[in-house]
Amino acid sequence: MHDVIQHTRFPDLDVIPANIDLSAAEVQLVTEVGREQVLASVLRQVRNEYDLILIDCQPSLGLLTVNALTAADGVIIPVAAEFFALRGVALLMDSIEKVKSRINPQLEVYGVLMTMYTRTLHAEEVVQRIYDAFPGKVFHTVISRSIKIADASVAAKPITMFSPQHATAKEYREVAREIVAQGIVALVFRLCVGKGRRWLKVFHVNLEEYQGRLERTSQPRQPKAARAYSDLIICCY
């Protein structure tokens, strides 16, 4: 496992990149005993070495995604503000419920994050449907559609470092603050305060901001993507 971990130039951030061989993994896993738990068994080797492990899944419901759900403690579901994405969310929720009932009873849905949002009636209708389907689970912050995301990928940098003052970077930082303030990673946050600023560097949150926001989150803000109706990570990078 340690042989494939790549250290990055960003403090306290390591990655395990995928390559073309991953496309054949599902075929190879079909005949494996306990094929749904292969990723979980591998991650157990390094789980205690990291404060947080993010598993970035491909947009499919195959065996690789089931492996990720089996290994995870919780799920953040990014949903593009487009009509056909709603069908994908319904199918994903079916898979999550099956994994939770049969393999990983501790699995939780941490939240739904709306992405690729544009100020159109179509996008706002999709956002409203997500709010109706996941009451109390949708992050208040939405991620706008922006060419800066593609530019950051080409530059091999997180958007929060590629263009830190851009609106999209600010939205991602706001999502990170929501994740911390809602207690999704509160335990990790408390553990890391004494270690320097490891967790804080990753999420661009300082302790003073966190303490000030924690109480205010009990009164949810109006999501800017849904003002017309109500006047969803990895993350977070």
C-alpha atoms as a PDB file:
ATOM      1  CA  MET A   1       0.000   0.000   0.000  1.00  0.00           C
ATOM      2  CA  HIS A   2       2.743   2.450   0.918  1.00  0.00           C
ATOM      3  CA  ASP A   3       4.397   1.853  -2.448  1.00  0.00           C
ATOM      4  CA  VAL A   4       1.527   3.524  -4.339  1.00  0.00           C
ATOM      5  CA  ILE A   5       1.000   6.504  -2.019  1.00  0.00           C
ATOM      6  CA  GLN A   6       2.274   9.697  -3.642  1.00  0.00           C
ATOM      7  CA  HIS A   7       3.298  12.678  -1.528  1.00  0.00           C
ATOM      8  CA  THR A   8       2.278  16.046  -2.960  1.00  0.00           C
ATOM      9  CA  ARG A   9       3.822  19.486  -2.673  1.00  0.00           C
ATOM     10  CA  PHE A  10       0.871  20.522  -0.538  1.00  0.00           C
ATOM     11  CA  PRO A  11       1.422  20.063   3.203  1.00  0.00           C
ATOM     12  CA  ASP A  12      -0.166  16.944   4.749  1.00  0.00           C
ATOM     13  CA  LEU A  13      -1.851  15.879   1.501  1.00  0.00           C
ATOM     14  CA  ASP A  14      -1.071  12.474  -0.041  1.00  0.00           C
ATOM     15  CA  VAL A  15      -2.835  10.825  -2.968  1.00  0.00           C
ATOM     16  CA  ILE A  16      -3.205   7.398  -4.526  1.00  0.00           C
ATOM     17  CA  PRO A  17      -3.730   8.152  -8.219  1.00  0.00           C
ATOM     18  CA  ALA A  18      -5.585   5.849 -10.571  1.00  0.00           C
ATOM     19  CA  ASN A  19      -4.410   4.731 -14.003  1.00  0.00           C
ATOM     20  CA  ILE A  20      -5.801   2.877 -16.996  1.00  0.00           C
ATOM     21  CA  ASP A  21      -5.401  -0.485 -15.249  1.00  0.00           C
ATOM     22  CA  LEU A  22      -8.281   0.437 -12.953  1.00  0.00           C
ATOM     23  CA  SER A  23     -10.670  -0.066 -15.867  1.00  0.00           C
ATOM     24  CA  ALA A  24     -10.014  -3.825 -15.682  1.00  0.00           C
ATOM     25  CA  ALA A  25     -10.416  -4.022 -11.912  1.00  0.00           C
ATOM     26  CA  GLU A  26     -14.118  -4.860 -11.924  1.00  0.00           C
ATOM     27  CA  VAL A  27     -13.576  -7.825 -14.212  1.00  0.00           C
ATOM     28  CA  GLN A  28     -10.757  -9.127 -12.022  1.00  0.00           C
ATOM     29  CA  LEU A  29     -12.749  -8.641  -8.816  1.00  0.00           C
ATOM     30  CA  VAL A  30     -15.714 -10.697  -9.986  1.00  0.00           C
ATOM     31  CA  THR A  31     -14.038 -13.979  -9.023  1.00  0.00           C
ATOM     32  CA  GLU A  32     -12.501 -12.700  -5.773  1.00  0.00           C
ATOM     33  CA  VAL A  33     -13.776 -13.931  -2.416  1.00  0.00           C
ATOM     34  CA  GLY A  34     -15.227 -10.994  -0.476  1.00  0.00           C
ATOM     35  CA  ARG A  35     -14.869  -8.787  -3.537  1.00  0.00           C
ATOM     36  CA  GLU A  36     -16.904  -5.965  -1.991  1.00  0.00           C
ATOM     37  CA  GLN A  37     -14.389  -5.575   0.853  1.00  0.00           C
ATOM     38  CA  VAL A  38     -11.100  -5.505  -1.048  1.00  0.00           C
ATOM     39  CA  LEU A  39     -10.659  -1.725  -0.767  1.00  0.00           C
ATOM     40  CA  ALA A  40     -11.609  -1.720   2.926  1.00  0.00           C
ATOM     41  CA  SER A  41      -9.001  -4.351   3.721  1.00  0.00           C
ATOM     42  CA  VAL A  42      -6.319  -2.400   1.853  1.00  0.00           C
ATOM     43  CA  LEU A  43      -7.150   0.927   3.521  1.00  0.00           C
ATOM     44  CA  ARG A  44      -6.976  -0.651   6.963  1.00  0.00           C
ATOM     45  CA  GLN A  45      -3.195  -0.793   6.501  1.00  0.00           C
ATOM     46  CA  VAL A  46      -2.923   3.012   6.523  1.00  0.00           C
ATOM     47  CA  ARG A  47      -6.121   4.129   8.227  1.00  0.00           C
ATOM     48  CA  ASN A  48      -4.374   5.113  11.470  1.00  0.00           C
ATOM     49  CA  GLU A  49      -1.762   7.156   9.621  1.00  0.00           C
ATOM     50  CA  TYR A  50      -4.221   9.755   8.324  1.00  0.00           C
ATOM     51  CA  ASP A  51      -6.751  12.037   9.926  1.00  0.00           C
ATOM     52  CA  LEU A  52      -9.069  11.797   6.928  1.00  0.00           C
ATOM     53  CA  ILE A  53      -9.245   9.592   3.837  1.00  0.00           C
ATOM     54  CA  LEU A  54     -11.317  10.781   0.880  1.00  0.00           C
ATOM     55  CA  ILE A  55     -12.391   8.274  -1.762  1.00  0.00           C
ATOM     56  CA  ASP A  56     -13.239   9.925  -5.067  1.00  0.00           C
ATOM     57  CA  CYS A  57     -15.657   7.642  -6.930  1.00  0.00           C
ATOM     58  CA  GLN A  58     -16.348   7.457 -10.617  1.00  0.00           C
ATOM     59  CA  PRO A  59     -19.932   8.224 -11.716  1.00  0.00           C
ATOM     60  CA  SER A  60     -21.057   4.605 -11.872  1.00  0.00           C
ATOM     61  CA  LEU A  61     -22.677   2.044  -9.603  1.00  0.00           C
ATOM     62  CA  GLY A  62     -20.346  -0.850 -10.320  1.00  0.00           C
ATOM     63  CA  LEU A  63     -18.195  -2.972  -8.064  1.00  0.00           C
ATOM     64  CA  LEU A  64     -15.625  -0.227  -7.515  1.00  0.00           C
ATOM     65  CA  THR A  65     -18.278   2.081  -6.092  1.00  0.00           C
ATOM     66  CA  VAL A  66     -19.605  -0.701  -3.876  1.00  0.00           C
ATOM     67  CA  ASN A  67     -16.056  -1.199  -2.588  1.00  0.00           C
ATOM     68  CA  ALA A  68     -15.854   2.500  -1.756  1.00  0.00           C
ATOM     69  CA  LEU A  69     -19.189   2.435   0.078  1.00  0.00           C
ATOM     70  CA  THR A  70     -18.077  -0.630   2.034  1.00  0.00           C
ATOM     71  CA  ALA A  71     -14.840   1.070   3.099  1.00  0.00           C
ATOM     72  CA  ALA A  72     -16.378   4.438   3.965  1.00  0.00           C
ATOM     73  CA  ASP A  73     -17.865   5.780   7.180  1.00  0.00           C
ATOM     74  CA  GLY A  74     -20.018   8.264   5.317  1.00  0.00           C
ATOM     75  CA  VAL A  75     -20.922   9.624   1.893  1.00  0.00           C
ATOM     76  CA  ILE A  76     -21.078  13.145   0.481  1.00  0.00           C
ATOM     77  CA  ILE A  77     -23.110  13.026  -2.725  1.00  0.00           C
ATOM     78  CA  PRO A  78     -22.259  15.672  -5.350  1.00  0.00           C
ATOM     79  CA  VAL A  79     -25.187  16.321  -7.669  1.00  0.00           C
ATOM     80  CA  ALA A  80     -24.980  18.384 -10.836  1.00  0.00           C
ATOM     81  CA  ALA A  81     -27.850  20.848 -11.124  1.00  0.00           C
ATOM     82  CA  GLU A  82     -29.233  19.003 -14.147  1.00  0.00           C
ATOM     83  CA  PHE A  83     -32.381  16.938 -14.554  1.00  0.00           C
ATOM     84  CA  PHE A  84     -30.776  13.615 -15.480  1.00  0.00           C
ATOM     85  CA  ALA A  85     -28.604  13.755 -12.355  1.00  0.00           C
ATOM     86  CA  LEU A  86     -31.755  13.199 -10.282  1.00  0.00           C
ATOM     87  CA  ARG A  87     -32.140   9.698 -11.695  1.00  0.00           C
ATOM     88  CA  GLY A  88     -28.541   8.919 -10.853  1.00  0.00           C
ATOM     89  CA  VAL A  89     -29.080  10.025  -7.254  1.00  0.00           C
ATOM     90  CA  ALA A  90     -32.083   7.704  -6.901  1.00  0.00           C
ATOM     91  CA  LEU A  91     -30.048   4.737  -8.124  1.00  0.00           C
ATOM     92  CA  LEU A  92     -27.136   5.666  -5.859  1.00  0.00           C
ATOM     93  CA  MET A  93     -29.415   5.805  -2.827  1.00  0.00           C
ATOM     94  CA  ASP A  94     -30.628   2.270  -3.651  1.00  0.00           C
ATOM     95  CA  SER A  95     -27.005   1.090  -3.681  1.00  0.00           C
ATOM     96  CA  ILE A  96     -26.239   2.884  -0.424  1.00  0.00           C
ATOM     97  CA  GLU A  97     -29.217   1.273   1.301  1.00  0.00           C
ATOM     98  CA  LYS A  98     -28.205  -2.180   0.089  1.00  0.00           C
ATOM     99  CA  VAL A  99     -24.595  -1.761   1.244  1.00  0.00           C
ATOM    100  CA  LYS A 100     -25.781  -0.412   4.585  1.00  0.00           C
ATOM    101  CA  SER A 101     -28.196  -3.272   5.223  1.00  0.00           C
ATOM    102  CA  ARG A 102     -25.925  -6.094   4.031  1.00  0.00           C
ATOM    103  CA  ILE A 103     -22.276  -5.082   4.450  1.00  0.00           C
ATOM    104  CA  ASN A 104     -21.617  -1.772   6.216  1.00  0.00           C
ATOM    105  CA  PRO A 105     -24.330  -0.858   8.766  1.00  0.00           C
ATOM    106  CA  GLN A 106     -22.325   2.203   9.934  1.00  0.00           C
ATOM    107  CA  LEU A 107     -22.548   3.897   6.538  1.00  0.00           C
ATOM    108  CA  GLU A 108     -24.172   7.331   6.656  1.00  0.00           C
ATOM    109  CA  VAL A 109     -25.151   9.944   4.109  1.00  0.00           C
ATOM    110  CA  TYR A 110     -23.378  13.031   5.395  1.00  0.00           C
ATOM    111  CA  GLY A 111     -24.940  15.366   2.904  1.00  0.00           C
ATOM    112  CA  VAL A 112     -25.769  16.303  -0.673  1.00  0.00           C
ATOM    113  CA  LEU A 113     -23.672  18.931  -2.450  1.00  0.00           C
ATOM    114  CA  MET A 114     -25.135  20.750  -5.433  1.00  0.00           C
ATOM    115  CA  THR A 115     -22.534  21.382  -8.149  1.00  0.00           C
ATOM    116  CA  MET A 116     -22.327  22.890 -11.641  1.00  0.00           C
ATOM    117  CA  TYR A 117     -25.003  25.378 -10.688  1.00  0.00           C
ATOM    118  CA  THR A 118     -26.082  28.128 -13.063  1.00  0.00           C
ATOM    119  CA  ARG A 119     -28.663  30.817 -12.466  1.00  0.00           C
ATOM    120  CA  THR A 120     -31.397  29.290 -14.604  1.00  0.00           C
ATOM    121  CA  LEU A 121     -34.926  28.133 -13.861  1.00  0.00           C
ATOM    122  CA  HIS A 122     -33.929  24.580 -14.773  1.00  0.00           C
ATOM    123  CA  ALA A 123     -31.088  24.520 -12.224  1.00  0.00           C
ATOM    124  CA  GLU A 124     -33.251  26.049  -9.509  1.00  0.00           C
ATOM    125  CA  GLU A 125     -35.967  23.444 -10.118  1.00  0.00           C
ATOM    126  CA  VAL A 126     -33.409  20.660  -9.743  1.00  0.00           C
ATOM    127  CA  VAL A 127     -32.096  22.220  -6.520  1.00  0.00           C
ATOM    128  CA  GLN A 128     -35.627  22.440  -5.135  1.00  0.00           C
ATOM    129  CA  ARG A 129     -36.279  18.773  -5.939  1.00  0.00           C
ATOM    130  CA  ILE A 130     -33.093  17.790  -4.122  1.00  0.00           C
ATOM    131  CA  TYR A 131     -34.153  19.827  -1.105  1.00  0.00           C
ATOM    132  CA  ASP A 132     -37.510  18.039  -1.118  1.00  0.00           C
ATOM    133  CA  ALA A 133     -35.894  14.599  -1.439  1.00  0.00           C
ATOM    134  CA  PHE A 134     -33.193  15.166   1.224  1.00  0.00           C
ATOM    135  CA  PRO A 135     -34.632  17.436   3.917  1.00  0.00           C
ATOM    136  CA  GLY A 136     -31.923  18.612   6.260  1.00  0.00           C
ATOM    137  CA  LYS A 137     -29.182  16.863   4.277  1.00  0.00           C
ATOM    138  CA  VAL A 138     -28.374  19.407   1.559  1.00  0.00           C
ATOM    139  CA  PHE A 139     -25.408  21.702   2.113  1.00  0.00           C
ATOM    140  CA  HIS A 140     -26.378  25.361   2.065  1.00  0.00           C
ATOM    141  CA  THR A 141     -23.446  26.207  -0.192  1.00  0.00           C
ATOM    142  CA  VAL A 142     -23.695  25.362  -3.892  1.00  0.00           C
ATOM    143  CA  ILE A 143     -20.774  25.072  -6.310  1.00  0.00           C
ATOM    144  CA  SER A 144     -21.205  27.202  -9.404  1.00  0.00           C
ATOM    145  CA  ARG A 145     -20.234  26.061 -12.886  1.00  0.00           C
ATOM    146  CA  SER A 146     -16.880  27.625 -13.747  1.00  0.00           C
ATOM    147  CA  ILE A 147     -14.100  27.165 -16.276  1.00  0.00           C
ATOM    148  CA  LYS A 148     -11.657  27.779 -13.408  1.00  0.00           C
ATOM    149  CA  ILE A 149     -12.225  24.203 -12.207  1.00  0.00           C
ATOM    150  CA  ALA A 150     -10.934  22.832 -15.524  1.00  0.00           C
ATOM    151  CA  ASP A 151      -8.048  25.301 -15.494  1.00  0.00           C
ATOM    152  CA  ALA A 152      -7.067  24.185 -11.991  1.00  0.00           C
ATOM    153  CA  SER A 153      -7.099  20.542 -13.107  1.00  0.00           C
ATOM    154  CA  VAL A 154      -4.767  21.341 -15.997  1.00  0.00           C
ATOM    155  CA  ALA A 155      -2.446  23.150 -13.580  1.00  0.00           C
ATOM    156  CA  ALA A 156      -2.607  20.164 -11.179  1.00  0.00           C
ATOM    157  CA  LYS A 157      -3.603  22.412  -8.295  1.00  0.00           C
ATOM    158  CA  PRO A 158      -6.624  22.627  -6.013  1.00  0.00           C
ATOM    159  CA  ILE A 159      -8.924  25.460  -7.049  1.00  0.00           C
ATOM    160  CA  THR A 160      -8.405  26.971  -3.581  1.00  0.00           C
ATOM    161  CA  MET A 161      -4.712  27.436  -4.396  1.00  0.00           C
ATOM    162  CA  PHE A 162      -4.911  27.935  -8.160  1.00  0.00           C
ATOM    163  CA  SER A 163      -7.256  30.888  -7.809  1.00  0.00           C
ATOM    164  CA  PRO A 164      -7.928  31.429  -4.089  1.00  0.00           C
ATOM    165  CA  GLN A 165     -10.004  34.590  -4.559  1.00  0.00           C
ATOM    166  CA  HIS A 166     -12.249  33.151  -7.261  1.00  0.00           C
ATOM    167  CA  ALA A 167     -15.911  32.679  -6.335  1.00  0.00           C
ATOM    168  CA  THR A 168     -15.722  28.906  -6.834  1.00  0.00           C
ATOM    169  CA  ALA A 169     -12.742  28.608  -4.483  1.00  0.00           C
ATOM    170  CA  LYS A 170     -14.648  30.561  -1.873  1.00  0.00           C
ATOM    171  CA  GLU A 171     -17.620  28.210  -2.310  1.00  0.00           C
ATOM    172  CA  TYR A 172     -15.446  25.157  -1.703  1.00  0.00           C
ATOM    173  CA  ARG A 173     -14.010  26.741   1.433  1.00  0.00           C
ATOM    174  CA  GLU A 174     -17.540  27.446   2.589  1.00  0.00           C
ATOM    175  CA  VAL A 175     -18.475  23.787   2.079  1.00  0.00           C
ATOM    176  CA  ALA A 176     -15.449  22.807   4.153  1.00  0.00           C
ATOM    177  CA  ARG A 177     -16.620  25.080   6.936  1.00  0.00           C
ATOM    178  CA  GLU A 178     -20.075  23.537   6.804  1.00  0.00           C
ATOM    179  CA  ILE A 179     -18.588  20.042   7.070  1.00  0.00           C
ATOM    180  CA  VAL A 180     -16.621  21.016  10.149  1.00  0.00           C
ATOM    181  CA  ALA A 181     -19.399  23.056  11.751  1.00  0.00           C
ATOM    182  CA  GLN A 182     -22.002  20.310  11.305  1.00  0.00           C
ATOM    183  CA  GLY A 183     -19.803  17.907  13.226  1.00  0.00           C
ATOM    184  CA  ILE A 184     -19.204  15.553  10.307  1.00  0.00           C
ATOM    185  CA  VAL A 185     -15.489  15.737  10.999  1.00  0.00           C
ATOM    186  CA  ALA A 186     -15.631  17.438  14.383  1.00  0.00           C
ATOM    187  CA  LEU A 187     -13.749  14.629  16.140  1.00  0.00           C
ATOM    188  CA  VAL A 188     -10.922  14.825  13.624  1.00  0.00           C
ATOM    189  CA  PHE A 189     -10.869  18.598  14.040  1.00  0.00           C
ATOM    190  CA  ARG A 190     -10.471  18.356  17.799  1.00  0.00           C
ATOM    191  CA  LEU A 191      -7.704  15.797  17.486  1.00  0.00           C
ATOM    192  CA  CYS A 192      -5.785  17.926  15.015  1.00  0.00           C
ATOM    193  CA  VAL A 193      -5.868  21.178  16.958  1.00  0.00           C
ATOM    194  CA  GLY A 194      -3.079  19.866  19.146  1.00  0.00           C
ATOM    195  CA  LYS A 195      -1.000  18.730  16.187  1.00  0.00           C
ATOM    196  CA  GLY A 196      -0.268  22.145  14.794  1.00  0.00           C
ATOM    197  CA  ARG A 197      -2.525  23.179  11.930  1.00  0.00           C
ATOM    198  CA  ARG A 198      -2.668  20.061   9.812  1.00  0.00           C
ATOM    199  CA  TRP A 199      -6.404  19.859   9.351  1.00  0.00           C
ATOM    200  CA  LEU A 200      -6.734  23.627   9.281  1.00  0.00           C
ATOM    201  CA  LYS A 201      -4.303  23.959   6.387  1.00  0.00           C
ATOM    202  CA  VAL A 202      -6.259  21.512   4.290  1.00  0.00           C
ATOM    203  CA  PHE A 203      -9.586  23.199   4.773  1.00  0.00           C
ATOM    204  CA  HIS A 204      -8.435  26.827   5.069  1.00  0.00           C
ATOM    205  CA  VAL A 205     -10.368  27.253   8.300  1.00  0.00           C
ATOM    206  CA  ASN A 206      -8.803  28.841  11.341  1.00  0.00           C
ATOM    207  CA  LEU A 207      -9.794  28.084  14.903  1.00  0.00           C
ATOM    208  CA  GLU A 208     -11.264  31.527  15.549  1.00  0.00           C
ATOM    209  CA  GLU A 209     -13.533  31.322  12.502  1.00  0.00           C
ATOM    210  CA  TYR A 210     -14.639  27.817  13.457  1.00  0.00           C
ATOM    211  CA  GLN A 211     -15.577  28.798  16.997  1.00  0.00           C
ATOM    212  CA  GLY A 212     -17.478  31.825  15.768  1.00  0.00           C
ATOM    213  CA  ARG A 213     -19.391  29.907  13.124  1.00  0.00           C
ATOM    214  CA  LEU A 214     -20.259  26.851  15.169  1.00  0.00           C
ATOM    215  CA  GLU A 215     -23.033  28.549  17.081  1.00  0.00           C
ATOM    216  CA  ARG A 216     -24.374  30.363  14.038  1.00  0.00           C
ATOM    217  CA  THR A 217     -24.857  27.119  12.098  1.00  0.00           C
ATOM    218  CA  SER A 218     -27.765  26.228  14.380  1.00  0.00           C
ATOM    219  CA  GLN A 219     -29.640  28.863  12.355  1.00  0.00           C
ATOM    220  CA  PRO A 220     -29.215  27.701   8.727  1.00  0.00           C
ATOM    221  CA  ARG A 221     -28.538  30.352   6.117  1.00  0.00           C
ATOM    222  CA  GLN A 222     -30.722  30.663   3.078  1.00  0.00           C
ATOM    223  CA  PRO A 223     -28.996  28.830   0.209  1.00  0.00           C
ATOM    224  CA  LYS A 224     -28.324  31.261  -2.579  1.00  0.00           C
ATOM    225  CA  ALA A 225     -29.302  28.686  -5.178  1.00  0.00           C
ATOM    226  CA  ALA A 226     -32.824  28.394  -3.809  1.00  0.00           C
ATOM    227  CA  ARG A 227     -33.779  31.934  -2.859  1.00  0.00           C
ATOM    228  CA  ALA A 228     -36.620  31.950  -5.357  1.00  0.00           C
ATOM    229  CA  TYR A 229     -38.227  29.018  -3.582  1.00  0.00           C
ATOM    230  CA  SER A 230     -37.419  29.490   0.079  1.00  0.00           C
ATOM    231  CA  ASP A 231     -36.811  33.306   0.745  1.00  0.00           C
ATOM    232  CA  LEU A 232     -25.883  19.913  -2.037  1.00  0.00           C
ATOM    233  CA  ILE A 233     -15.954  15.892  -1.152  1.00  0.00           C
ATOM    234  CA  ILE A 234     -11.602  14.542  -1.196  1.00  0.00           C
ATOM    235  CA  CYS A 235     -13.487  17.730  -0.210  1.00  0.00           C
ATOM    236  CA  CYS A 236     -13.074  19.469  -0.400  1.00  0.00           C
ATOM    237  CA  TYR A 237     -10.460  20.418  -2.996  1.00  0.00           C
END
